[in-house]
C-alpha atoms as a PDB file:
ATOM      1  CA  MET A   1     -11.144  41.958  17.323  1.00  0.00           C
ATOM      2  CA  ASP A   2     -13.567  43.041  14.736  1.00  0.00           C
ATOM      3  CA  LEU A   3     -15.874  40.709  12.797  1.00  0.00           C
ATOM      4  CA  LEU A   4     -13.750  40.634   9.633  1.00  0.00           C
ATOM      5  CA  THR A   5     -10.661  39.470  11.507  1.00  0.00           C
ATOM      6  CA  THR A   6     -12.646  36.734  13.278  1.00  0.00           C
ATOM      7  CA  VAL A   7     -14.188  35.494  10.029  1.00  0.00           C
ATOM      8  CA  ALA A   8     -10.848  35.570   8.222  1.00  0.00           C
ATOM      9  CA  THR A   9      -9.132  33.649  11.039  1.00  0.00           C
ATOM     10  CA  ALA A  10     -11.892  31.032  11.109  1.00  0.00           C
ATOM     11  CA  GLY A  11     -11.750  30.702   7.336  1.00  0.00           C
ATOM     12  CA  LEU A  12      -7.979  30.259   7.301  1.00  0.00           C
ATOM     13  CA  ALA A  13      -8.176  27.686  10.097  1.00  0.00           C
ATOM     14  CA  ALA A  14     -10.877  25.726   8.262  1.00  0.00           C
ATOM     15  CA  GLY A  15      -8.930  25.918   5.000  1.00  0.00           C
ATOM     16  CA  GLY A  16      -5.774  24.692   6.717  1.00  0.00           C
ATOM     17  CA  TYR A  17      -7.661  21.795   8.258  1.00  0.00           C
ATOM     18  CA  ILE A  18      -9.164  20.825   4.887  1.00  0.00           C
ATOM     19  CA  LEU A  19      -5.726  20.985   3.250  1.00  0.00           C
ATOM     20  CA  SER A  20      -4.301  18.824   6.027  1.00  0.00           C
ATOM     21  CA  LEU A  21      -7.021  16.213   5.525  1.00  0.00           C
ATOM     22  CA  GLY A  22      -6.469  16.273   1.762  1.00  0.00           C
ATOM     23  CA  HIS A  23      -2.739  15.788   2.203  1.00  0.00           C
ATOM     24  CA  ARG A  24      -3.302  12.879   4.584  1.00  0.00           C
ATOM     25  CA  TRP A  25      -5.784  11.243   2.161  1.00  0.00           C
ATOM     26  CA  ILE A  26      -3.412  11.613  -0.808  1.00  0.00           C
ATOM     27  CA  THR A  27      -0.483  10.224   1.210  1.00  0.00           C
ATOM     28  CA  LEU A  28      -2.445   7.200   2.421  1.00  0.00           C
ATOM     29  CA  ARG A  29      -3.859   6.549  -1.061  1.00  0.00           C
ATOM     30  CA  ALA A  30      -0.322   6.595  -2.502  1.00  0.00           C
ATOM     31  CA  GLN A  31       0.793   4.053   0.120  1.00  0.00           C
ATOM     32  CA  VAL A  32      -2.129   1.781  -0.756  1.00  0.00           C
ATOM     33  CA  ARG A  33      -1.359   2.064  -4.471  1.00  0.00           C
ATOM     34  CA  ARG A  34       2.333   1.244  -3.863  1.00  0.00           C
ATOM     35  CA  ALA A  35       1.311  -1.839  -1.889  1.00  0.00           C
ATOM     36  CA  GLU A  36      -1.047  -2.911  -4.696  1.00  0.00           C
ATOM     37  CA  LEU A  37       1.710  -2.545  -7.281  1.00  0.00           C
ATOM     38  CA  ASP A  38       4.183  -4.453  -5.088  1.00  0.00           C
ATOM     39  CA  GLN A  39       1.674  -7.277  -4.687  1.00  0.00           C
ATOM     40  CA  GLN A  40       0.925  -7.347  -8.407  1.00  0.00           C
ATOM     41  CA  GLY A  41       4.620  -7.516  -9.260  1.00  0.00           C
ATOM     42  CA  LEU A  42       5.175 -10.283  -6.720  1.00  0.00           C
ATOM     43  CA  SER A  43       2.272 -12.283  -8.147  1.00  0.00           C
ATOM     44  CA  GLU A  44       3.570 -11.900 -11.706  1.00  0.00           C
ATOM     45  CA  ARG A  45       7.075 -13.031 -10.677  1.00  0.00           C
ATOM     46  CA  ALA A  46       5.650 -16.029  -8.795  1.00  0.00           C
ATOM     47  CA  ARG A  47       3.483 -16.995 -11.789  1.00  0.00           C
ATOM     48  CA  SER A  48       6.491 -17.055 -14.086  1.00  0.00           C
ATOM     49  CA  LEU A  49       8.455 -19.555 -11.948  1.00  0.00           C
ATOM     50  CA  PRO A  50       8.382 -23.328 -12.538  1.00  0.00           C
ATOM     51  CA  PRO A  51       6.963 -25.710  -9.881  1.00  0.00           C
ATOM     52  CA  GLY A  52       9.370 -26.438  -7.051  1.00  0.00           C
ATOM     53  CA  SER A  53      10.857 -22.926  -7.094  1.00  0.00           C
ATOM     54  CA  ARG A  54      10.990 -20.547  -4.152  1.00  0.00           C
ATOM     55  CA  LEU A  55      10.537 -16.805  -4.301  1.00  0.00           C
ATOM     56  CA  ILE A  56      12.167 -14.926  -1.428  1.00  0.00           C
ATOM     57  CA  GLU A  57      11.799 -11.169  -1.098  1.00  0.00           C
ATOM     58  CA  LYS A  58      13.202  -9.244   1.844  1.00  0.00           C
ATOM     59  CA  THR A  59      12.701  -5.533   2.341  1.00  0.00           C
ATOM     60  CA  ALA A  60      12.781  -3.221   5.320  1.00  0.00           C
ATOM     61  CA  GLN A  61       9.001  -3.569   5.684  1.00  0.00           C
ATOM     62  CA  HIS A  62       8.489  -7.317   5.154  1.00  0.00           C
ATOM     63  CA  ASP A  63      10.006 -10.725   4.417  1.00  0.00           C
ATOM     64  CA  ILE A  64       8.188 -12.960   1.932  1.00  0.00           C
ATOM     65  CA  ASP A  65       8.977 -16.606   1.196  1.00  0.00           C
ATOM     66  CA  ILE A  66       6.739 -18.301  -1.393  1.00  0.00           C
ATOM     67  CA  ALA A  67       7.084 -21.963  -2.425  1.00  0.00           C
ATOM     68  CA  ILE A  68       5.846 -22.489  -5.986  1.00  0.00           C
ATOM     69  CA  GLY A  69       4.098 -25.829  -6.545  1.00  0.00           C
ATOM     70  CA  GLY A  70       5.867 -28.369  -4.403  1.00  0.00           C
ATOM     71  CA  ALA A  71       4.648 -31.325  -2.344  1.00  0.00           C
ATOM     72  CA  ALA A  72       1.723 -29.505  -0.743  1.00  0.00           C
ATOM     73  CA  ALA A  73       0.160 -28.807  -4.140  1.00  0.00           C
ATOM     74  CA  GLY A  74       0.444 -32.493  -5.057  1.00  0.00           C
ATOM     75  CA  ARG A  75      -1.276 -33.684  -1.882  1.00  0.00           C
ATOM     76  CA  PHE A  76      -4.129 -31.210  -1.768  1.00  0.00           C
ATOM     77  CA  GLY A  77      -4.451 -30.173  -5.406  1.00  0.00           C
ATOM     78  CA  ARG A  78      -6.472 -33.231  -6.410  1.00  0.00           C
END
């Protein structure tokens, strides 16, 4: 192979690797942002409930059961 072919192949390989890393970073960042938005929405829903309520959320990824207020808050809140 001549020098131009070698340089072009190396350049394409490096460019492909950089694109792969960029795609991975964007994908992971989107997952983190989705998790942040899910958490924010869950917190806002929990805040809007009266004491003694329960918030139960079940998805394919997780099961969440939050007791709002309740006896534990009365014992330790003071």
